[in-house]
Amino acid sequence: MFEENDLSAILTEAERLIEESKIEEAIDLLEKQVQYYENEITFLNFIAKIYYLIHKPDLALNYLNKSIEIDSENLETLELLGDVYHNLKNWNQALISWKKVCELDPKKYLLWNKIGHLYYEIGEYAGATRAFSNFIEYEENIEVYSLLSVIFKKMGNEIESWNNLMKAEQLDPTNEKILMQIGETYLELDNYDRAEDYFQTVSKINDENLQAWFYLGKTQEAKQDFIQAIDAFSKVIELDPDNVLGFFNLANIYASIANIEEAIRYYEECLSRDPAFLEASVSLASLSWASKDYDKAILYLEDALRHNKNEARIYRMLGDISEDLGDEEKTLEYWEKATDLEEG
C-alpha cells in the first residue's frame, strides 16, 4: 500500500489504471486516500476531473467545492468548476468561474473562446462578441472571426459582420468555409456576380465541395444562366446521387425553360428518394393540371396526402381541380377541408 505522503505515486498509479480503462479501480484507489489528502488541492482536483470525465458532475462538484475552500483563486479549480457548472447547465456559475480565471491570469485567454461559445449558446450575443473580441486580442482565429460574423449578423450589424469575414479571408484566402460564408452573403444581397465568383473559387479549391456546387447552381439559376446552373446541379447529383434538393432544383430549371419531359423526370427522381417531398408532388400535379391531364394531377396529390395528411395546400389544389372538372360536391368538400386546416 502507498505511504500517506506518497501522493505522486498514488496519482501515477491512478493514471495507469485509467489508461488501462480501469476507471472504477482508479476511483476506488483515490476514494480510499481521501482521508489523507482532503486538504490537497492537487488530489481533490484530480479525482474531481475523473468524475467529470465519466459524466458524474455532482460528485466532481463535491470535490471542487472542497478545493475552492482551500484556495479560492486556484486556476485549475476555477476552470474545472466552470466546466462542471456548464455540464450542469448552470450558465451563470460557469461564466463566473471562467471569467475569474481570465482576470487572475490573462495568459488563460483561451477561456474567452469558451466563454464566447457559452454566451452564444444561450443567446446573449453582446456577451459573446465581447468574449470573442477579448480572445482575438491575443490570437487571431478564422473560426472565431466566422462566428463573430454570424453573431453580428443576428444582431443586425451588417458592417461588423462583413468586417469579420474580411479579416478571416485575409488570414486564409483559401479557407472554404469563409469563402462560402462570403459567397452566401453576396447571394443574400442579390450580388450574383460576386457570389458566383466565390462559389466558383471554392469549387476549384475543392472539386468535391457539394455545398459550393449547390450554391453555385442557385446563383446561376438566379442569374437565369440555366445551362450553367444545370451543370452545377448535375455535379451535386454526381457527388451525392441521393441529393433530393439537387434533383428538385434541376427539375425547377427544366420547368423554367419549358423542358417538361425532363422536369417531370427529375421531380419523380425526388419522390423516388423522398416520397414525402411535398414541393415535388405539387409541381408534378401543377404540370399535369396545366396540360389538362387531370387524372394524373389528382393521382400525384393523392399520393402526396399519404405523407402529408394535414397539408391544406393539397386539399386546396384538389378543390381547384375539381372545380375545373365541374364536380361541385368534391370542390366544396376539398375547400372546406383546406379551410379547416388553415384555420386550425
Protein backbone atom coordinates (compact mmCIF):
# COMPACT_ATOMS: atom_id res chain seq x y z
CA MET A 1 0.00 0.00 0.00
CA PHE A 2 1.07 3.58 -0.55
CA GLU A 3 2.54 5.70 2.18
CA GLU A 4 0.40 8.64 3.29
CA ASN A 5 2.88 11.16 1.92
CA ASP A 6 3.32 9.42 -1.42
CA LEU A 7 0.73 11.46 -3.34
CA SER A 8 2.75 11.43 -6.57
CA ALA A 9 2.86 7.63 -6.60
CA ILE A 10 -0.89 7.41 -5.96
CA LEU A 11 -1.72 9.73 -8.82
CA THR A 12 0.69 7.90 -11.12
CA GLU A 13 -0.97 4.59 -10.30
CA ALA A 14 -4.41 6.09 -10.86
CA GLU A 15 -3.32 7.39 -14.25
CA ARG A 16 -2.03 3.93 -15.17
CA LEU A 17 -5.35 2.36 -14.25
CA ILE A 18 -7.22 4.97 -16.28
CA GLU A 19 -5.00 4.33 -19.32
CA GLU A 20 -5.91 0.64 -18.97
CA SER A 21 -9.62 1.62 -18.86
CA LYS A 22 -9.86 0.50 -15.24
CA ILE A 23 -11.76 3.62 -14.20
CA GLU A 24 -13.62 2.07 -11.28
CA GLU A 25 -10.36 0.71 -9.83
CA ALA A 26 -8.77 4.15 -10.14
CA ILE A 27 -11.70 5.79 -8.36
CA ASP A 28 -11.66 3.14 -5.64
CA LEU A 29 -7.93 3.75 -5.12
CA LEU A 30 -8.44 7.51 -4.83
CA GLU A 31 -11.51 7.34 -2.61
CA LYS A 32 -9.55 5.26 -0.10
CA GLN A 33 -6.98 8.07 0.08
CA VAL A 34 -9.43 10.95 0.61
CA GLN A 35 -8.98 10.90 4.39
CA TYR A 36 -5.25 11.52 3.94
CA TYR A 37 -5.43 14.17 1.20
CA GLU A 38 -8.65 16.06 1.92
CA ASN A 39 -6.61 19.29 2.11
CA GLU A 40 -4.50 18.66 -1.00
CA ILE A 41 -5.83 20.66 -3.96
CA THR A 42 -3.92 18.56 -6.49
CA PHE A 43 -5.57 15.40 -5.19
CA LEU A 44 -9.05 16.92 -4.95
CA ASN A 45 -8.88 18.34 -8.46
CA PHE A 46 -7.58 15.05 -9.85
CA ILE A 47 -10.46 12.99 -8.52
CA ALA A 48 -12.93 15.73 -9.49
CA LYS A 49 -11.63 15.64 -13.05
CA ILE A 50 -12.16 11.88 -13.26
CA TYR A 51 -15.74 12.17 -12.05
CA TYR A 52 -16.35 14.95 -14.57
CA LEU A 53 -14.92 12.85 -17.41
CA ILE A 54 -17.17 9.88 -16.56
CA HIS A 55 -20.20 12.20 -16.53
CA LYS A 56 -20.75 12.44 -12.79
CA PRO A 57 -20.67 16.24 -12.41
CA ASP A 58 -22.34 16.27 -8.99
CA LEU A 59 -19.54 14.16 -7.49
CA ALA A 60 -16.95 16.30 -9.26
CA LEU A 61 -18.55 19.43 -7.83
CA ASN A 62 -18.34 18.00 -4.32
CA TYR A 63 -14.55 17.75 -4.52
CA LEU A 64 -14.09 21.05 -6.33
CA ASN A 65 -16.04 22.88 -3.62
CA LYS A 66 -13.63 21.44 -1.05
CA SER A 67 -10.73 22.56 -3.22
CA ILE A 68 -12.04 26.10 -3.64
CA GLU A 69 -12.47 26.43 0.12
CA ILE A 70 -8.75 25.81 0.48
CA ASP A 71 -7.75 28.29 -2.24
CA SER A 72 -10.43 30.47 -3.83
CA GLU A 73 -8.06 31.59 -6.57
CA ASN A 74 -6.65 28.27 -7.75
CA LEU A 75 -6.78 28.49 -11.54
CA GLU A 76 -7.18 24.78 -12.20
CA THR A 77 -10.01 24.52 -9.69
CA LEU A 78 -11.83 27.53 -11.12
CA GLU A 79 -11.57 26.26 -14.69
CA LEU A 80 -12.79 22.81 -13.69
CA LEU A 81 -15.64 24.42 -11.76
CA GLY A 82 -16.64 26.28 -14.90
CA ASP A 83 -16.61 23.05 -16.91
CA VAL A 84 -18.71 21.23 -14.33
CA TYR A 85 -21.22 24.06 -13.95
CA HIS A 86 -21.52 24.19 -17.74
CA ASN A 87 -22.23 20.45 -17.77
CA LEU A 88 -24.92 21.05 -15.13
CA LYS A 89 -26.35 23.89 -17.28
CA ASN A 90 -25.64 26.39 -14.52
CA TRP A 91 -24.58 29.02 -17.04
CA ASN A 92 -24.12 31.88 -14.60
CA GLN A 93 -21.77 29.99 -12.29
CA ALA A 94 -19.83 28.64 -15.25
CA LEU A 95 -19.27 32.16 -16.56
CA ILE A 96 -18.26 33.46 -13.13
CA SER A 97 -15.67 30.71 -12.71
CA TRP A 98 -14.17 31.02 -16.20
CA LYS A 99 -14.08 34.82 -16.10
CA LYS A 100 -12.28 34.77 -12.77
CA VAL A 101 -9.56 32.59 -14.30
CA CYS A 102 -9.10 35.14 -17.10
CA GLU A 103 -8.94 38.00 -14.60
CA LEU A 104 -6.37 36.23 -12.45
CA ASP A 105 -4.19 35.15 -15.37
CA PRO A 106 -4.50 36.94 -18.75
CA LYS A 107 -2.44 34.13 -20.30
CA LYS A 108 -5.52 31.94 -19.93
CA TYR A 109 -7.10 33.82 -22.84
CA LEU A 110 -8.24 30.56 -24.49
CA LEU A 111 -11.06 30.54 -21.96
CA TRP A 112 -12.52 33.65 -23.61
CA ASN A 113 -13.29 31.39 -26.57
CA LYS A 114 -15.17 29.00 -24.29
CA ILE A 115 -16.97 31.94 -22.65
CA GLY A 116 -17.94 33.31 -26.05
CA HIS A 117 -19.39 29.98 -27.14
CA LEU A 118 -21.43 29.75 -23.93
CA TYR A 119 -22.84 33.25 -24.38
CA TYR A 120 -23.69 32.35 -27.99
CA GLU A 121 -25.26 29.09 -26.87
CA ILE A 122 -27.65 30.91 -24.51
CA GLY A 123 -28.38 33.70 -26.98
CA GLU A 124 -26.54 36.51 -25.19
CA TYR A 125 -24.91 37.92 -28.29
CA ALA A 126 -23.47 41.08 -26.76
CA GLY A 127 -21.61 38.99 -24.18
CA ALA A 128 -20.42 36.64 -26.92
CA THR A 129 -18.97 39.46 -29.02
CA ARG A 130 -17.11 40.88 -26.00
CA ALA A 131 -15.68 37.49 -25.10
CA PHE A 132 -14.57 36.66 -28.63
CA SER A 133 -13.10 40.13 -29.03
CA ASN A 134 -11.06 39.54 -25.86
CA PHE A 135 -9.83 36.27 -27.33
CA ILE A 136 -8.83 37.88 -30.64
CA GLU A 137 -6.72 40.44 -28.81
CA TYR A 138 -4.36 37.56 -28.06
CA GLU A 139 -4.82 35.32 -31.10
CA GLU A 140 -6.44 35.85 -34.47
CA ASN A 141 -8.57 32.87 -35.37
CA ILE A 142 -10.58 32.15 -38.50
CA GLU A 143 -13.29 30.18 -36.70
CA VAL A 144 -13.80 32.99 -34.19
CA TYR A 145 -14.00 35.61 -36.95
CA SER A 146 -16.53 33.42 -38.73
CA LEU A 147 -18.70 33.06 -35.65
CA LEU A 148 -18.40 36.77 -34.85
CA SER A 149 -19.70 37.47 -38.35
CA VAL A 150 -22.71 35.24 -37.70
CA ILE A 151 -23.39 36.88 -34.33
CA PHE A 152 -23.14 40.45 -35.62
CA LYS A 153 -25.49 39.48 -38.45
CA LYS A 154 -28.02 38.14 -35.92
CA MET A 155 -27.68 41.45 -34.06
CA GLY A 156 -28.40 43.37 -37.27
CA ASN A 157 -24.90 44.83 -37.51
CA GLU A 158 -24.12 44.04 -41.14
CA ILE A 159 -20.98 46.19 -41.21
CA GLU A 160 -19.25 44.38 -38.35
CA SER A 161 -20.44 41.07 -39.73
CA TRP A 162 -18.76 41.87 -43.03
CA ASN A 163 -15.60 43.24 -41.37
CA ASN A 164 -15.05 39.97 -39.53
CA LEU A 165 -15.50 37.96 -42.71
CA MET A 166 -12.88 40.12 -44.43
CA LYS A 167 -10.44 39.61 -41.53
CA ALA A 168 -10.97 35.86 -41.76
CA GLU A 169 -10.37 35.88 -45.52
CA GLN A 170 -7.14 37.84 -45.03
CA LEU A 171 -5.90 35.19 -42.60
CA ASP A 172 -6.56 32.39 -45.10
CA PRO A 173 -7.75 33.31 -48.61
CA THR A 174 -8.30 29.62 -49.40
CA ASN A 175 -10.48 28.71 -46.42
CA GLU A 176 -13.53 27.04 -47.94
CA LYS A 177 -15.86 27.79 -45.04
CA ILE A 178 -15.07 31.52 -45.06
CA LEU A 179 -15.28 31.80 -48.84
CA MET A 180 -18.67 30.07 -48.73
CA GLN A 181 -19.82 32.43 -45.99
CA ILE A 182 -18.80 35.44 -48.09
CA GLY A 183 -20.45 33.99 -51.17
CA GLU A 184 -23.70 33.36 -49.29
CA THR A 185 -23.63 36.95 -48.01
CA TYR A 186 -23.29 38.27 -51.57
CA LEU A 187 -26.13 35.96 -52.65
CA GLU A 188 -28.38 37.34 -49.91
CA LEU A 189 -27.53 40.85 -51.17
CA ASP A 190 -28.52 39.77 -54.72
CA ASN A 191 -24.97 40.47 -55.86
CA TYR A 192 -24.96 37.38 -58.03
CA ASP A 193 -21.72 38.06 -59.91
CA ARG A 194 -19.63 38.32 -56.73
CA ALA A 195 -21.44 35.36 -55.17
CA GLU A 196 -20.72 33.29 -58.27
CA ASP A 197 -17.03 34.25 -58.12
CA TYR A 198 -16.70 32.96 -54.56
CA PHE A 199 -18.62 29.72 -55.13
CA GLN A 200 -16.57 29.01 -58.25
CA THR A 201 -13.38 29.66 -56.28
CA VAL A 202 -14.41 27.12 -53.67
CA SER A 203 -15.33 24.54 -56.31
CA LYS A 204 -11.86 24.98 -57.84
CA ILE A 205 -10.15 24.62 -54.44
CA ASN A 206 -12.21 21.52 -53.70
CA ASP A 207 -13.99 19.89 -56.62
CA GLU A 208 -15.96 17.73 -54.16
CA ASN A 209 -17.41 20.56 -52.09
CA LEU A 210 -21.08 19.74 -52.59
CA GLN A 211 -22.27 22.92 -50.86
CA ALA A 212 -20.22 25.09 -53.25
CA TRP A 213 -21.73 23.40 -56.31
CA PHE A 214 -25.23 23.68 -54.87
CA TYR A 215 -24.95 27.41 -54.16
CA LEU A 216 -23.23 27.97 -57.47
CA GLY A 217 -26.27 26.40 -59.12
CA LYS A 218 -28.66 28.57 -57.07
CA THR A 219 -26.71 31.69 -58.01
CA GLN A 220 -26.61 30.85 -61.71
CA GLU A 221 -30.31 29.99 -61.64
CA ALA A 222 -30.99 33.43 -60.10
CA LYS A 223 -28.96 34.97 -62.93
CA GLN A 224 -31.02 32.88 -65.40
CA ASP A 225 -27.80 31.23 -66.59
CA PHE A 226 -29.76 27.99 -66.84
CA ILE A 227 -27.26 25.91 -68.80
CA GLN A 228 -24.51 26.60 -66.25
CA ALA A 229 -26.95 26.03 -63.38
CA ILE A 230 -27.85 22.64 -64.84
CA ASP A 231 -24.15 21.75 -64.92
CA ALA A 232 -23.74 22.80 -61.27
CA PHE A 233 -26.73 20.82 -60.01
CA SER A 234 -25.67 17.83 -62.13
CA LYS A 235 -22.37 17.96 -60.25
CA VAL A 236 -24.31 17.97 -56.97
CA ILE A 237 -26.06 14.77 -58.02
CA GLU A 238 -22.78 13.26 -59.20
CA LEU A 239 -21.28 13.89 -55.75
CA ASP A 240 -24.44 12.78 -53.93
CA PRO A 241 -26.71 10.55 -56.05
CA ASP A 242 -29.46 10.76 -53.41
CA ASN A 243 -29.45 14.54 -53.06
CA VAL A 244 -33.15 15.34 -53.28
CA LEU A 245 -32.63 19.10 -53.48
CA GLY A 246 -30.21 18.65 -56.37
CA PHE A 247 -32.87 16.77 -58.35
CA PHE A 248 -35.56 19.26 -57.31
CA ASN A 249 -33.59 22.28 -58.46
CA LEU A 250 -32.77 20.62 -61.75
CA ALA A 251 -36.47 19.91 -62.23
CA ASN A 252 -37.32 23.55 -61.50
CA ILE A 253 -34.81 24.77 -64.07
CA TYR A 254 -36.11 22.42 -66.76
CA ALA A 255 -39.64 23.59 -65.96
CA SER A 256 -38.45 27.20 -66.32
CA ILE A 257 -37.09 26.53 -69.80
CA ALA A 258 -40.24 24.57 -70.75
CA ASN A 259 -38.49 21.22 -70.99
CA ILE A 260 -41.44 19.50 -69.32
CA GLU A 261 -40.29 15.95 -70.01
CA GLU A 262 -37.02 16.50 -68.13
CA ALA A 263 -38.77 18.47 -65.39
CA ILE A 264 -41.15 15.57 -64.75
CA ARG A 265 -38.28 13.09 -64.78
CA TYR A 266 -36.34 14.97 -62.12
CA TYR A 267 -39.37 15.69 -59.93
CA GLU A 268 -40.09 11.96 -59.98
CA GLU A 269 -36.46 11.30 -59.06
CA CYS A 270 -37.11 13.45 -55.99
CA LEU A 271 -40.14 11.42 -55.00
CA SER A 272 -38.37 8.12 -55.58
CA ARG A 273 -35.88 9.20 -52.91
CA ASP A 274 -38.30 11.04 -50.65
CA PRO A 275 -42.00 10.22 -51.21
CA ALA A 276 -42.94 12.90 -48.66
CA PHE A 277 -41.26 15.71 -50.65
CA LEU A 278 -44.34 17.90 -50.96
CA GLU A 279 -42.97 20.50 -53.36
CA ALA A 280 -42.10 17.84 -55.93
CA SER A 281 -45.62 16.36 -55.74
CA VAL A 282 -47.24 19.78 -56.06
CA SER A 283 -45.00 20.69 -59.00
CA LEU A 284 -45.84 17.45 -60.80
CA ALA A 285 -49.54 17.98 -60.14
CA SER A 286 -49.28 21.54 -61.47
CA LEU A 287 -47.59 20.40 -64.68
CA SER A 288 -50.22 17.70 -65.24
CA TRP A 289 -53.04 20.11 -64.44
CA ALA A 290 -51.62 22.69 -66.87
CA SER A 291 -51.63 20.06 -69.63
CA LYS A 292 -55.22 19.12 -68.61
CA ASP A 293 -54.15 15.64 -67.51
CA TYR A 294 -56.47 15.88 -64.51
CA ASP A 295 -56.33 12.21 -63.54
CA LYS A 296 -52.56 12.27 -63.22
CA ALA A 297 -52.64 15.58 -61.31
CA ILE A 298 -55.13 14.12 -58.83
CA LEU A 299 -53.05 10.96 -58.52
CA TYR A 300 -49.93 12.99 -57.62
CA LEU A 301 -51.88 14.92 -54.99
CA GLU A 302 -53.49 11.83 -53.50
CA ASP A 303 -50.03 10.23 -53.23
CA ALA A 304 -48.82 13.39 -51.50
CA LEU A 305 -51.67 13.15 -48.99
CA ARG A 306 -50.41 9.76 -47.83
CA HIS A 307 -47.34 11.51 -46.47
CA ASN A 308 -48.76 14.99 -45.78
CA LYS A 309 -52.23 14.34 -44.38
CA ASN A 310 -52.66 17.76 -42.82
CA GLU A 311 -51.37 19.89 -45.67
CA ALA A 312 -54.06 22.42 -46.55
CA ARG A 313 -52.42 23.30 -49.85
CA ILE A 314 -53.05 19.82 -51.25
CA TYR A 315 -56.77 19.96 -50.43
CA ARG A 316 -56.99 23.48 -51.85
CA MET A 317 -55.44 22.32 -55.10
CA LEU A 318 -57.67 19.24 -55.28
CA GLY A 319 -60.63 21.55 -54.84
CA ASP A 320 -59.46 23.80 -57.64
CA ILE A 321 -59.01 20.85 -60.00
CA SER A 322 -62.44 19.51 -59.05
CA GLU A 323 -63.87 22.92 -59.86
CA ASP A 324 -62.26 22.73 -63.31
CA LEU A 325 -63.87 19.33 -63.74
CA GLY A 326 -67.27 20.71 -62.72
CA ASP A 327 -67.58 18.50 -59.65
CA GLU A 328 -69.17 20.95 -57.23
CA GLU A 329 -69.60 18.46 -54.40
CA LYS A 330 -65.93 17.46 -54.32
CA THR A 331 -64.86 21.05 -54.82
CA LEU A 332 -66.70 22.18 -51.69
CA GLU A 333 -65.55 19.12 -49.72
CA TYR A 334 -61.86 19.79 -50.51
CA TRP A 335 -62.09 23.54 -49.95
CA GLU A 336 -63.81 23.07 -46.59
CA LYS A 337 -61.09 20.64 -45.51
CA ALA A 338 -58.39 23.11 -46.61
CA THR A 339 -60.11 25.94 -44.70
CA ASP A 340 -60.39 23.83 -41.55
CA LEU A 341 -56.67 23.02 -41.69
CA GLU A 342 -55.71 26.63 -42.38
CA GLU A 343 -57.79 27.92 -39.51
CA GLY A 344 -56.60 25.13 -37.24
